[in-house]
Amino acid sequence: NLTLHRLPEILEGPGLGELIDALIAEDEAKRLAAMDA
C-alpha cells in the first residue's frame, strides 16, 4: 500500500522500486485502455 505516510520509508529503502513499479503498472494499464478505445 503506497501512501504519503510511508514516503520516508519508501525513499530510504527498497520501497522506491515498489513505488516505481506501481507507477509503471498504472501507466501501462492506462496505455492499454487507450489502445482499446
Protein backbone atom coordinates (compact mmCIF):
# COMPACT_ATOMS: atom_id res chain seq x y z
CA ASN A 1 0.00 0.00 0.00
CA LEU A 2 1.65 3.20 -1.17
CA THR A 3 0.65 6.25 0.85
CA LEU A 4 2.27 9.53 1.80
CA HIS A 5 2.55 8.18 5.35
CA ARG A 6 5.09 5.67 4.02
CA LEU A 7 7.01 8.22 1.94
CA PRO A 8 10.10 8.41 4.21
CA GLU A 9 10.27 4.60 4.35
CA ILE A 10 9.88 4.37 0.58
CA LEU A 11 12.57 6.94 -0.15
CA GLU A 12 15.06 5.47 2.33
CA GLY A 13 14.78 1.84 1.36
CA PRO A 14 13.88 -0.69 -1.28
CA GLY A 15 10.37 0.74 -1.31
CA LEU A 16 11.47 3.15 -4.05
CA GLY A 17 11.47 0.27 -6.50
CA GLU A 18 8.00 -0.67 -5.29
CA LEU A 19 6.81 2.89 -5.96
CA ILE A 20 8.32 2.91 -9.45
CA ASP A 21 6.81 -0.50 -10.24
CA ALA A 22 3.38 0.76 -9.18
CA LEU A 23 3.71 3.87 -11.36
CA ILE A 24 4.84 1.81 -14.35
CA ALA A 25 1.96 -0.64 -13.91
CA GLU A 26 -0.55 2.21 -13.71
CA ASP A 27 0.92 3.86 -16.81
CA GLU A 28 0.86 0.61 -18.79
CA ALA A 29 -2.76 -0.02 -17.79
CA LYS A 30 -3.76 3.44 -18.99
CA ARG A 31 -1.91 2.96 -22.29
CA LEU A 32 -3.58 -0.42 -22.89
CA ALA A 33 -7.00 1.05 -22.09
CA ALA A 34 -6.35 3.89 -24.55
CA MET A 35 -5.41 1.40 -27.29
CA ASP A 36 -8.72 -0.46 -26.82
CA ALA A 37 -10.75 2.74 -27.10
